[in-house]
Amino acid sequence: MAVKFRRERIMHSGNRLVLIATFVAGVCLCAPALAQNGTAALNARIGELSRAGKYAEAIPLAQQMVANLEKSSGPNNRDLAASLANLALLYGNQGRDAEAEPIGKRALAMLEKAHGLDSSEVAASLNNLAALYQRQERYPDAEPLFKRALAIREKSLPPGHPDRAQSLNNLATLYEKQGRHADSEPLFRQALAIYEKAAGPAHPAVATLLNNLGQADKVQGRYGDAEPLIRRSLAIREKVLGPDHPDVARSLNIWPTFTSGRGVSPTPNRFISGHWRSVNGRLAPIIPIARHRPTIWLRSTGPRGASPTRCRWWKE
């Protein structure tokens, strides 16, 4: 239950773009000098595949980018650090945490050295590493990283900035996984209010927060409160992302846990098509999807507080 933000807003700071994956966020930089050797096009393709959930196709390209930069840029290059963070994120999206963790730690150390301890790039990398620990149920390891990322963003960004909402959502998700509902729900609602204002009521980021809040209600037995939130989340995802997207599968997978005896309708027939199959009583797309999925977006490396270039995706 994490968040990604994906609005198609392009902003430039100089000519450097940063590809950041979020719910947790990774970084992949593309500088003007790199455009001459095709790295810019490769970076764009990685982002395109990642946004589509095609991680198996994106990983070989991300590996190629890292290899190219290690040969051409030296061990402490900012672009290399960003590319490593992006590769770690992609591994994490496929549940390959044993490969993701050492690469993510290396990327974080490089980003801290290159950008400073309180930079937006470091906050994004902290989020990614914390998300990995969360997936492994290493909650004591994840919490201080999520809190540090949130503190960096609260210090450097305005109250309505989407990155602050992302960190609020990430920390709330961690609390929710531990059954700390009293701690999670206020943070989810703060994040939802920011995203609705920043991105509009029908954005995928809003769908993720609605889903998160709905699931928090569901696990506490508040099915009447959960249903409209999850229905609205599913409607947004189907309309914006298309019926074959992994996030739509996640929303559909919630429905079999509701029964008419709890006052909640079964899965609407209109959401079930030839694109879906039943797996252990849960709906899943026929295309392969990763179990753990953070997300990717483009942002500019302008001054602190600059708006994202292309906004992000999340993880749930």
C-alpha atoms as a PDB file:
ATOM      1  CA  MET A   1       0.000   0.000   0.000  1.00  0.00           C
ATOM      2  CA  ALA A   2       2.346   2.683  -1.137  1.00  0.00           C
ATOM      3  CA  VAL A   3       2.097   5.527  -3.529  1.00  0.00           C
ATOM      4  CA  LYS A   4       3.235   6.665  -6.914  1.00  0.00           C
ATOM      5  CA  PHE A   5       2.554   9.929  -8.608  1.00  0.00           C
ATOM      6  CA  ARG A   6       2.312  10.152 -12.344  1.00  0.00           C
ATOM      7  CA  ARG A   7       1.064  13.454 -13.684  1.00  0.00           C
ATOM      8  CA  GLU A   8       2.373  14.349 -17.143  1.00  0.00           C
ATOM      9  CA  ARG A   9       3.968  17.661 -16.191  1.00  0.00           C
ATOM     10  CA  ILE A  10       7.329  18.367 -17.757  1.00  0.00           C
ATOM     11  CA  MET A  11       9.694  20.758 -16.051  1.00  0.00           C
ATOM     12  CA  HIS A  12      13.333  21.340 -16.744  1.00  0.00           C
ATOM     13  CA  SER A  13      16.203  22.438 -14.567  1.00  0.00           C
ATOM     14  CA  GLY A  14      19.083  23.019 -16.868  1.00  0.00           C
ATOM     15  CA  ASN A  15      18.823  19.910 -19.004  1.00  0.00           C
ATOM     16  CA  ARG A  16      19.173  17.242 -16.361  1.00  0.00           C
ATOM     17  CA  LEU A  17      16.290  14.939 -15.662  1.00  0.00           C
ATOM     18  CA  VAL A  18      16.023  12.466 -12.841  1.00  0.00           C
ATOM     19  CA  LEU A  19      14.060   9.267 -13.034  1.00  0.00           C
ATOM     20  CA  ILE A  20      12.742   8.448  -9.607  1.00  0.00           C
ATOM     21  CA  ALA A  21      10.777   5.418  -8.662  1.00  0.00           C
ATOM     22  CA  THR A  22       8.519   5.851  -5.761  1.00  0.00           C
ATOM     23  CA  PHE A  23       6.259   4.567  -3.130  1.00  0.00           C
ATOM     24  CA  VAL A  24       9.416   4.359  -2.544  1.00  0.00           C
ATOM     25  CA  ALA A  25      11.662   6.155  -4.806  1.00  0.00           C
ATOM     26  CA  GLY A  26      14.695   5.344  -6.807  1.00  0.00           C
ATOM     27  CA  VAL A  27      16.690   7.632  -8.999  1.00  0.00           C
ATOM     28  CA  CYS A  28      17.993   7.391 -12.522  1.00  0.00           C
ATOM     29  CA  LEU A  29      19.670  10.440 -13.960  1.00  0.00           C
ATOM     30  CA  CYS A  30      19.970  11.428 -17.562  1.00  0.00           C
ATOM     31  CA  ALA A  31      22.347  14.314 -18.221  1.00  0.00           C
ATOM     32  CA  PRO A  32      22.807  16.172 -21.510  1.00  0.00           C
ATOM     33  CA  ALA A  33      26.297  14.733 -21.971  1.00  0.00           C
ATOM     34  CA  LEU A  34      24.842  11.253 -21.907  1.00  0.00           C
ATOM     35  CA  ALA A  35      22.399  11.922 -24.689  1.00  0.00           C
ATOM     36  CA  GLN A  36      25.215  11.731 -27.225  1.00  0.00           C
ATOM     37  CA  ASN A  37      25.879   8.056 -26.571  1.00  0.00           C
ATOM     38  CA  GLY A  38      22.268   6.925 -26.481  1.00  0.00           C
ATOM     39  CA  THR A  39      21.922   6.757 -22.704  1.00  0.00           C
ATOM     40  CA  ALA A  40      19.090   9.291 -22.708  1.00  0.00           C
ATOM     41  CA  ALA A  41      17.040   7.101 -25.036  1.00  0.00           C
ATOM     42  CA  LEU A  42      17.860   4.031 -22.960  1.00  0.00           C
ATOM     43  CA  ASN A  43      16.813   5.846 -19.780  1.00  0.00           C
ATOM     44  CA  ALA A  44      13.533   6.883 -21.385  1.00  0.00           C
ATOM     45  CA  ARG A  45      12.828   3.322 -22.455  1.00  0.00           C
ATOM     46  CA  ILE A  46      13.487   1.985 -18.954  1.00  0.00           C
ATOM     47  CA  GLY A  47      11.028   4.504 -17.545  1.00  0.00           C
ATOM     48  CA  GLU A  48       8.411   3.601 -20.152  1.00  0.00           C
ATOM     49  CA  LEU A  49       8.665  -0.118 -19.419  1.00  0.00           C
ATOM     50  CA  SER A  50       8.644   0.461 -15.667  1.00  0.00           C
ATOM     51  CA  ARG A  51       5.512   2.596 -15.802  1.00  0.00           C
ATOM     52  CA  ALA A  52       3.838  -0.193 -17.770  1.00  0.00           C
ATOM     53  CA  GLY A  53       4.821  -2.767 -15.141  1.00  0.00           C
ATOM     54  CA  LYS A  54       7.099  -4.590 -17.606  1.00  0.00           C
ATOM     55  CA  TYR A  55       9.915  -5.070 -15.157  1.00  0.00           C
ATOM     56  CA  ALA A  56      11.365  -8.178 -16.796  1.00  0.00           C
ATOM     57  CA  GLU A  57      11.959  -6.136 -19.944  1.00  0.00           C
ATOM     58  CA  ALA A  58      13.239  -3.087 -18.072  1.00  0.00           C
ATOM     59  CA  ILE A  59      15.842  -4.888 -15.959  1.00  0.00           C
ATOM     60  CA  PRO A  60      18.253  -5.913 -18.758  1.00  0.00           C
ATOM     61  CA  LEU A  61      18.213  -2.331 -20.036  1.00  0.00           C
ATOM     62  CA  ALA A  62      18.852  -0.974 -16.524  1.00  0.00           C
ATOM     63  CA  GLN A  63      21.731  -3.439 -16.142  1.00  0.00           C
ATOM     64  CA  GLN A  64      23.131  -2.261 -19.458  1.00  0.00           C
ATOM     65  CA  MET A  65      22.906   1.364 -18.352  1.00  0.00           C
ATOM     66  CA  VAL A  66      24.787   0.636 -15.129  1.00  0.00           C
ATOM     67  CA  ALA A  67      27.481  -1.253 -17.027  1.00  0.00           C
ATOM     68  CA  ASN A  68      27.872   1.573 -19.534  1.00  0.00           C
ATOM     69  CA  LEU A  69      28.160   4.208 -16.821  1.00  0.00           C
ATOM     70  CA  GLU A  70      30.621   2.193 -14.758  1.00  0.00           C
ATOM     71  CA  LYS A  71      32.882   2.056 -17.808  1.00  0.00           C
ATOM     72  CA  SER A  72      32.509   5.687 -18.836  1.00  0.00           C
ATOM     73  CA  SER A  73      31.875   7.671 -15.667  1.00  0.00           C
ATOM     74  CA  GLY A  74      33.893   6.308 -12.776  1.00  0.00           C
ATOM     75  CA  PRO A  75      32.712   4.819  -9.466  1.00  0.00           C
ATOM     76  CA  ASN A  76      31.300   7.990  -7.836  1.00  0.00           C
ATOM     77  CA  ASN A  77      29.346   9.508 -10.713  1.00  0.00           C
ATOM     78  CA  ARG A  78      25.882  10.914  -9.940  1.00  0.00           C
ATOM     79  CA  ASP A  79      24.342   9.322 -12.993  1.00  0.00           C
ATOM     80  CA  LEU A  80      25.751   5.964 -11.976  1.00  0.00           C
ATOM     81  CA  ALA A  81      24.337   6.356  -8.469  1.00  0.00           C
ATOM     82  CA  ALA A  82      20.919   7.136  -9.892  1.00  0.00           C
ATOM     83  CA  SER A  83      21.073   4.216 -12.312  1.00  0.00           C
ATOM     84  CA  LEU A  84      22.021   1.853  -9.486  1.00  0.00           C
ATOM     85  CA  ALA A  85      19.064   3.104  -7.431  1.00  0.00           C
ATOM     86  CA  ASN A  86      16.773   2.504 -10.375  1.00  0.00           C
ATOM     87  CA  LEU A  87      18.113  -1.015 -10.933  1.00  0.00           C
ATOM     88  CA  ALA A  88      17.642  -1.830  -7.245  1.00  0.00           C
ATOM     89  CA  LEU A  89      14.059  -0.637  -7.488  1.00  0.00           C
ATOM     90  CA  LEU A  90      13.362  -2.816 -10.502  1.00  0.00           C
ATOM     91  CA  TYR A  91      14.809  -5.857  -8.742  1.00  0.00           C
ATOM     92  CA  GLY A  92      12.597  -5.061  -5.770  1.00  0.00           C
ATOM     93  CA  ASN A  93       9.553  -4.823  -8.020  1.00  0.00           C
ATOM     94  CA  GLN A  94      10.168  -8.437  -9.016  1.00  0.00           C
ATOM     95  CA  GLY A  95      10.733  -9.574  -5.430  1.00  0.00           C
ATOM     96  CA  ARG A  96      14.474 -10.036  -6.028  1.00  0.00           C
ATOM     97  CA  ASP A  97      15.374  -8.442  -2.721  1.00  0.00           C
ATOM     98  CA  ALA A  98      18.661 -10.274  -2.260  1.00  0.00           C
ATOM     99  CA  GLU A  99      19.926  -8.498  -5.372  1.00  0.00           C
ATOM    100  CA  ALA A 100      18.153  -5.230  -4.670  1.00  0.00           C
ATOM    101  CA  GLU A 101      19.438  -4.583  -1.137  1.00  0.00           C
ATOM    102  CA  PRO A 102      23.215  -4.315  -1.712  1.00  0.00           C
ATOM    103  CA  ILE A 103      22.689  -2.237  -4.851  1.00  0.00           C
ATOM    104  CA  GLY A 104      20.260   0.043  -3.028  1.00  0.00           C
ATOM    105  CA  LYS A 105      22.691   0.539  -0.149  1.00  0.00           C
ATOM    106  CA  ARG A 106      25.512   1.353  -2.560  1.00  0.00           C
ATOM    107  CA  ALA A 107      23.304   3.827  -4.398  1.00  0.00           C
ATOM    108  CA  LEU A 108      22.258   5.532  -1.146  1.00  0.00           C
ATOM    109  CA  ALA A 109      25.856   5.986  -0.019  1.00  0.00           C
ATOM    110  CA  MET A 110      26.804   7.443  -3.399  1.00  0.00           C
ATOM    111  CA  LEU A 111      23.812   9.792  -3.439  1.00  0.00           C
ATOM    112  CA  GLU A 112      24.567  11.025   0.093  1.00  0.00           C
ATOM    113  CA  LYS A 113      28.104  11.829  -0.994  1.00  0.00           C
ATOM    114  CA  ALA A 114      27.073  13.440  -4.279  1.00  0.00           C
ATOM    115  CA  HIS A 115      24.000  15.414  -3.194  1.00  0.00           C
ATOM    116  CA  GLY A 116      24.216  15.798   0.586  1.00  0.00           C
ATOM    117  CA  LEU A 117      22.465  14.047   3.453  1.00  0.00           C
ATOM    118  CA  ASP A 118      19.252  16.088   3.165  1.00  0.00           C
ATOM    119  CA  SER A 119      18.748  16.063  -0.601  1.00  0.00           C
ATOM    120  CA  SER A 120      15.621  14.981  -2.449  1.00  0.00           C
ATOM    121  CA  GLU A 121      17.618  12.238  -4.155  1.00  0.00           C
ATOM    122  CA  VAL A 122      18.619  10.804  -0.786  1.00  0.00           C
ATOM    123  CA  ALA A 123      15.014  10.936   0.437  1.00  0.00           C
ATOM    124  CA  ALA A 124      13.911   8.950  -2.607  1.00  0.00           C
ATOM    125  CA  SER A 125      16.617   6.343  -2.095  1.00  0.00           C
ATOM    126  CA  LEU A 126      15.755   6.046   1.609  1.00  0.00           C
ATOM    127  CA  ASN A 127      12.172   5.344   0.645  1.00  0.00           C
ATOM    128  CA  ASN A 128      13.182   2.545  -1.704  1.00  0.00           C
ATOM    129  CA  LEU A 129      15.419   0.850   0.820  1.00  0.00           C
ATOM    130  CA  ALA A 130      12.788   1.187   3.540  1.00  0.00           C
ATOM    131  CA  ALA A 131      10.205  -0.367   1.239  1.00  0.00           C
ATOM    132  CA  LEU A 132      12.474  -3.338   0.685  1.00  0.00           C
ATOM    133  CA  TYR A 133      12.770  -3.837   4.460  1.00  0.00           C
ATOM    134  CA  GLN A 134       9.018  -3.480   4.790  1.00  0.00           C
ATOM    135  CA  ARG A 135       8.405  -6.219   2.211  1.00  0.00           C
ATOM    136  CA  GLN A 136      10.650  -8.478   4.271  1.00  0.00           C
ATOM    137  CA  GLU A 137       8.728  -7.525   7.430  1.00  0.00           C
ATOM    138  CA  ARG A 138      11.865  -5.916   8.845  1.00  0.00           C
ATOM    139  CA  TYR A 139       9.771  -3.127  10.305  1.00  0.00           C
ATOM    140  CA  PRO A 140      12.312  -1.849  12.861  1.00  0.00           C
ATOM    141  CA  ASP A 141      14.759  -1.354   9.984  1.00  0.00           C
ATOM    142  CA  ALA A 142      12.206   0.305   7.709  1.00  0.00           C
ATOM    143  CA  GLU A 143      10.670   2.823  10.130  1.00  0.00           C
ATOM    144  CA  PRO A 144      13.696   5.091  10.728  1.00  0.00           C
ATOM    145  CA  LEU A 145      14.384   5.280   6.995  1.00  0.00           C
ATOM    146  CA  PHE A 146      10.787   6.262   6.179  1.00  0.00           C
ATOM    147  CA  LYS A 147      10.849   8.801   9.020  1.00  0.00           C
ATOM    148  CA  ARG A 148      14.149  10.278   7.822  1.00  0.00           C
ATOM    149  CA  ALA A 149      12.801  10.617   4.274  1.00  0.00           C
ATOM    150  CA  LEU A 150       9.664  12.338   5.584  1.00  0.00           C
ATOM    151  CA  ALA A 151      11.735  14.698   7.747  1.00  0.00           C
ATOM    152  CA  ILE A 152      13.883  15.694   4.753  1.00  0.00           C
ATOM    153  CA  ARG A 153      10.815  16.458   2.687  1.00  0.00           C
ATOM    154  CA  GLU A 154       8.977  18.311   5.440  1.00  0.00           C
ATOM    155  CA  LYS A 155      12.022  20.505   5.899  1.00  0.00           C
ATOM    156  CA  SER A 156      12.648  21.233   2.240  1.00  0.00           C
ATOM    157  CA  LEU A 157       9.239  21.120   0.519  1.00  0.00           C
ATOM    158  CA  PRO A 158       6.009  23.140   0.849  1.00  0.00           C
ATOM    159  CA  PRO A 159       3.077  21.516   2.686  1.00  0.00           C
ATOM    160  CA  GLY A 160       1.163  20.625  -0.477  1.00  0.00           C
ATOM    161  CA  HIS A 161       4.036  19.005  -2.355  1.00  0.00           C
ATOM    162  CA  PRO A 162       3.309  15.464  -3.642  1.00  0.00           C
ATOM    163  CA  ASP A 163       6.613  14.146  -2.306  1.00  0.00           C
ATOM    164  CA  ARG A 164       5.466  14.907   1.224  1.00  0.00           C
ATOM    165  CA  ALA A 165       2.271  12.981   0.550  1.00  0.00           C
ATOM    166  CA  GLN A 166       4.286  10.068  -0.749  1.00  0.00           C
ATOM    167  CA  SER A 167       6.337   9.890   2.436  1.00  0.00           C
ATOM    168  CA  LEU A 168       3.213  10.215   4.584  1.00  0.00           C
ATOM    169  CA  ASN A 169       1.655   7.334   2.688  1.00  0.00           C
ATOM    170  CA  ASN A 170       4.776   5.215   2.993  1.00  0.00           C
ATOM    171  CA  LEU A 171       4.987   5.646   6.762  1.00  0.00           C
ATOM    172  CA  ALA A 172       1.234   5.063   7.116  1.00  0.00           C
ATOM    173  CA  THR A 173       1.547   1.843   5.129  1.00  0.00           C
ATOM    174  CA  LEU A 174       4.268   0.627   7.469  1.00  0.00           C
ATOM    175  CA  TYR A 175       2.081   1.374  10.488  1.00  0.00           C
ATOM    176  CA  GLU A 176      -0.906  -0.342   8.879  1.00  0.00           C
ATOM    177  CA  LYS A 177       1.087  -3.514   8.234  1.00  0.00           C
ATOM    178  CA  GLN A 178       1.810  -3.621  11.961  1.00  0.00           C
ATOM    179  CA  GLY A 179      -1.842  -3.129  12.868  1.00  0.00           C
ATOM    180  CA  ARG A 180      -1.209   0.412  14.119  1.00  0.00           C
ATOM    181  CA  HIS A 181      -4.446   1.775  12.682  1.00  0.00           C
ATOM    182  CA  ALA A 182      -4.617   4.811  14.943  1.00  0.00           C
ATOM    183  CA  ASP A 183      -1.221   5.887  13.629  1.00  0.00           C
ATOM    184  CA  SER A 184      -1.806   5.039   9.961  1.00  0.00           C
ATOM    185  CA  GLU A 185      -5.221   6.513   9.190  1.00  0.00           C
ATOM    186  CA  PRO A 186      -4.425  10.196   9.899  1.00  0.00           C
ATOM    187  CA  LEU A 187      -1.349   9.954   7.683  1.00  0.00           C
ATOM    188  CA  PHE A 188      -3.303   8.285   4.869  1.00  0.00           C
ATOM    189  CA  ARG A 189      -5.905  11.062   5.021  1.00  0.00           C
ATOM    190  CA  GLN A 190      -3.257  13.799   4.970  1.00  0.00           C
ATOM    191  CA  ALA A 191      -1.653  12.198   1.938  1.00  0.00           C
ATOM    192  CA  LEU A 192      -4.988  11.794   0.162  1.00  0.00           C
ATOM    193  CA  ALA A 193      -5.858  15.474   0.671  1.00  0.00           C
ATOM    194  CA  ILE A 194      -2.507  16.539  -0.808  1.00  0.00           C
ATOM    195  CA  TYR A 195      -2.802  14.287  -3.849  1.00  0.00           C
ATOM    196  CA  GLU A 196      -6.408  15.260  -4.586  1.00  0.00           C
ATOM    197  CA  LYS A 197      -5.408  18.915  -4.572  1.00  0.00           C
ATOM    198  CA  ALA A 198      -2.156  18.454  -6.485  1.00  0.00           C
ATOM    199  CA  ALA A 199      -3.243  15.902  -9.070  1.00  0.00           C
ATOM    200  CA  GLY A 200      -7.045  16.001  -9.175  1.00  0.00           C
ATOM    201  CA  PRO A 201      -9.644  13.496  -7.943  1.00  0.00           C
ATOM    202  CA  ALA A 202      -9.119  10.948 -10.745  1.00  0.00           C
ATOM    203  CA  HIS A 203      -5.357  10.441 -10.587  1.00  0.00           C
ATOM    204  CA  PRO A 204      -3.721   7.011  -9.988  1.00  0.00           C
ATOM    205  CA  ALA A 205      -2.073   8.388  -6.854  1.00  0.00           C
ATOM    206  CA  VAL A 206      -5.502   9.218  -5.474  1.00  0.00           C
ATOM    207  CA  ALA A 207      -6.644   5.687  -6.370  1.00  0.00           C
ATOM    208  CA  THR A 208      -3.781   4.245  -4.346  1.00  0.00           C
ATOM    209  CA  LEU A 209      -4.646   6.308  -1.256  1.00  0.00           C
ATOM    210  CA  LEU A 210      -8.328   5.417  -1.567  1.00  0.00           C
ATOM    211  CA  ASN A 211      -7.360   1.765  -1.795  1.00  0.00           C
ATOM    212  CA  ASN A 212      -5.097   2.067   1.233  1.00  0.00           C
ATOM    213  CA  LEU A 213      -7.795   3.725   3.321  1.00  0.00           C
ATOM    214  CA  GLY A 214     -10.362   1.188   2.135  1.00  0.00           C
ATOM    215  CA  GLN A 215      -8.165  -1.703   3.157  1.00  0.00           C
ATOM    216  CA  ALA A 216      -7.547  -0.101   6.553  1.00  0.00           C
ATOM    217  CA  ASP A 217     -11.324   0.065   7.049  1.00  0.00           C
ATOM    218  CA  LYS A 218     -11.752  -3.497   5.803  1.00  0.00           C
ATOM    219  CA  VAL A 219      -9.270  -5.102   8.208  1.00  0.00           C
ATOM    220  CA  GLN A 220     -11.046  -3.344  11.078  1.00  0.00           C
ATOM    221  CA  GLY A 221     -14.383  -4.762   9.953  1.00  0.00           C
ATOM    222  CA  ARG A 222     -15.741  -1.440   8.683  1.00  0.00           C
ATOM    223  CA  TYR A 223     -16.944  -2.895   5.385  1.00  0.00           C
ATOM    224  CA  GLY A 224     -19.551  -0.228   4.742  1.00  0.00           C
ATOM    225  CA  ASP A 225     -16.845   2.431   4.896  1.00  0.00           C
ATOM    226  CA  ALA A 226     -14.399   0.376   2.852  1.00  0.00           C
ATOM    227  CA  GLU A 227     -16.604  -0.444  -0.146  1.00  0.00           C
ATOM    228  CA  PRO A 228     -17.081   3.055  -1.649  1.00  0.00           C
ATOM    229  CA  LEU A 229     -13.382   3.824  -1.251  1.00  0.00           C
ATOM    230  CA  ILE A 230     -12.276   0.642  -3.001  1.00  0.00           C
ATOM    231  CA  ARG A 231     -14.919   0.989  -5.720  1.00  0.00           C
ATOM    232  CA  ARG A 232     -13.767   4.534  -6.452  1.00  0.00           C
ATOM    233  CA  SER A 233     -10.143   3.403  -6.498  1.00  0.00           C
ATOM    234  CA  LEU A 234     -10.920   0.613  -8.953  1.00  0.00           C
ATOM    235  CA  ALA A 235     -12.917   2.911 -11.230  1.00  0.00           C
ATOM    236  CA  ILE A 236     -10.048   5.406 -11.415  1.00  0.00           C
ATOM    237  CA  ARG A 237      -7.508   2.697 -12.155  1.00  0.00           C
ATOM    238  CA  GLU A 238      -9.566   1.063 -14.895  1.00  0.00           C
ATOM    239  CA  LYS A 239     -10.202   4.381 -16.582  1.00  0.00           C
ATOM    240  CA  VAL A 240      -6.683   5.803 -16.339  1.00  0.00           C
ATOM    241  CA  LEU A 241      -4.453   2.726 -16.416  1.00  0.00           C
ATOM    242  CA  GLY A 242      -6.492   0.274 -18.493  1.00  0.00           C
ATOM    243  CA  PRO A 243      -7.946  -3.124 -17.570  1.00  0.00           C
ATOM    244  CA  ASP A 244      -4.677  -5.073 -17.897  1.00  0.00           C
ATOM    245  CA  HIS A 245      -2.598  -2.996 -15.484  1.00  0.00           C
ATOM    246  CA  PRO A 246      -1.279  -4.711 -12.305  1.00  0.00           C
ATOM    247  CA  ASP A 247      -2.877  -2.043 -10.103  1.00  0.00           C
ATOM    248  CA  VAL A 248      -6.297  -3.022 -11.472  1.00  0.00           C
ATOM    249  CA  ALA A 249      -5.542  -6.606 -10.486  1.00  0.00           C
ATOM    250  CA  ARG A 250      -4.725  -5.471  -6.976  1.00  0.00           C
ATOM    251  CA  SER A 251      -8.053  -3.693  -6.661  1.00  0.00           C
ATOM    252  CA  LEU A 252      -9.957  -6.679  -8.038  1.00  0.00           C
ATOM    253  CA  ASN A 253      -8.175  -9.055  -5.694  1.00  0.00           C
ATOM    254  CA  ILE A 254      -9.741  -7.284  -2.729  1.00  0.00           C
ATOM    255  CA  TRP A 255     -13.320  -8.023  -3.779  1.00  0.00           C
ATOM    256  CA  PRO A 256     -13.503 -11.777  -3.083  1.00  0.00           C
ATOM    257  CA  THR A 257     -12.879 -11.027   0.600  1.00  0.00           C
ATOM    258  CA  PHE A 258     -16.171  -9.148   0.786  1.00  0.00           C
ATOM    259  CA  THR A 259     -19.464 -11.022   1.054  1.00  0.00           C
ATOM    260  CA  SER A 260     -23.064  -9.962   0.779  1.00  0.00           C
ATOM    261  CA  GLY A 261     -23.463 -10.935   4.431  1.00  0.00           C
ATOM    262  CA  ARG A 262     -21.094  -8.128   5.302  1.00  0.00           C
ATOM    263  CA  GLY A 263     -23.139  -5.683   3.284  1.00  0.00           C
ATOM    264  CA  VAL A 264     -20.715  -5.497   0.383  1.00  0.00           C
ATOM    265  CA  SER A 265     -21.484  -6.506  -3.174  1.00  0.00           C
ATOM    266  CA  PRO A 266     -19.475  -9.215  -4.938  1.00  0.00           C
ATOM    267  CA  THR A 267     -17.035  -8.289  -7.695  1.00  0.00           C
ATOM    268  CA  PRO A 268     -18.984  -6.547 -10.487  1.00  0.00           C
ATOM    269  CA  ASN A 269     -19.183  -8.687 -13.626  1.00  0.00           C
ATOM    270  CA  ARG A 270     -18.135  -5.737 -15.753  1.00  0.00           C
ATOM    271  CA  PHE A 271     -14.671  -5.905 -14.226  1.00  0.00           C
ATOM    272  CA  ILE A 272     -14.131  -9.519 -15.267  1.00  0.00           C
ATOM    273  CA  SER A 273     -13.100 -10.258 -18.830  1.00  0.00           C
ATOM    274  CA  GLY A 274     -10.953 -12.612 -20.844  1.00  0.00           C
ATOM    275  CA  HIS A 275      -7.930 -10.747 -19.544  1.00  0.00           C
ATOM    276  CA  TRP A 276      -8.351 -12.247 -16.078  1.00  0.00           C
ATOM    277  CA  ARG A 277      -8.037 -15.674 -14.515  1.00  0.00           C
ATOM    278  CA  SER A 278      -8.734 -17.083 -11.061  1.00  0.00           C
ATOM    279  CA  VAL A 279      -5.705 -17.958  -8.949  1.00  0.00           C
ATOM    280  CA  ASN A 280      -6.523 -19.549  -5.584  1.00  0.00           C
ATOM    281  CA  GLY A 281      -9.857 -17.786  -5.559  1.00  0.00           C
ATOM    282  CA  ARG A 282      -8.365 -14.384  -6.429  1.00  0.00           C
ATOM    283  CA  LEU A 283      -8.452 -12.557  -9.724  1.00  0.00           C
ATOM    284  CA  ALA A 284      -5.201 -11.958 -11.559  1.00  0.00           C
ATOM    285  CA  PRO A 285      -4.334 -10.777 -15.061  1.00  0.00           C
ATOM    286  CA  ILE A 286      -3.174 -13.331 -17.584  1.00  0.00           C
ATOM    287  CA  ILE A 287      -0.025 -11.288 -18.099  1.00  0.00           C
ATOM    288  CA  PRO A 288       2.695 -11.894 -15.464  1.00  0.00           C
ATOM    289  CA  ILE A 289       2.909  -9.310 -12.702  1.00  0.00           C
ATOM    290  CA  ALA A 290       5.384  -8.709  -9.915  1.00  0.00           C
ATOM    291  CA  ARG A 291       4.195  -9.245  -6.362  1.00  0.00           C
ATOM    292  CA  HIS A 292       5.962  -6.220  -4.958  1.00  0.00           C
ATOM    293  CA  ARG A 293       5.799  -3.116  -7.058  1.00  0.00           C
ATOM    294  CA  PRO A 294       7.189   0.306  -6.257  1.00  0.00           C
ATOM    295  CA  THR A 295       7.015   2.869  -9.055  1.00  0.00           C
ATOM    296  CA  ILE A 296       8.830   5.198 -11.365  1.00  0.00           C
ATOM    297  CA  TRP A 297       8.647   8.841 -12.413  1.00  0.00           C
ATOM    298  CA  LEU A 298      10.642  11.691 -13.821  1.00  0.00           C
ATOM    299  CA  ARG A 299      11.518  14.779 -11.851  1.00  0.00           C
ATOM    300  CA  SER A 300      13.786  17.732 -12.403  1.00  0.00           C
ATOM    301  CA  THR A 301      16.877  18.309 -10.305  1.00  0.00           C
ATOM    302  CA  GLY A 302      16.124  21.955  -9.842  1.00  0.00           C
ATOM    303  CA  PRO A 303      16.262  23.860  -6.579  1.00  0.00           C
ATOM    304  CA  ARG A 304      14.669  22.322  -3.536  1.00  0.00           C
ATOM    305  CA  GLY A 305      10.927  22.320  -3.745  1.00  0.00           C
ATOM    306  CA  ALA A 306      10.857  22.185  -7.544  1.00  0.00           C
ATOM    307  CA  SER A 307       7.825  20.365  -8.886  1.00  0.00           C
ATOM    308  CA  PRO A 308       8.183  16.868 -10.335  1.00  0.00           C
ATOM    309  CA  THR A 309       8.763  16.644 -14.067  1.00  0.00           C
ATOM    310  CA  ARG A 310       6.572  13.672 -14.577  1.00  0.00           C
ATOM    311  CA  CYS A 311       4.912  12.532 -11.487  1.00  0.00           C
ATOM    312  CA  ARG A 312       5.150   9.186 -10.007  1.00  0.00           C
ATOM    313  CA  TRP A 313       3.805   5.875  -9.373  1.00  0.00           C
ATOM    314  CA  TRP A 314       3.631   3.926  -6.153  1.00  0.00           C
ATOM    315  CA  LYS A 315       3.689   0.673  -4.646  1.00  0.00           C
ATOM    316  CA  GLU A 316       1.064  -1.133  -2.648  1.00  0.00           C
END
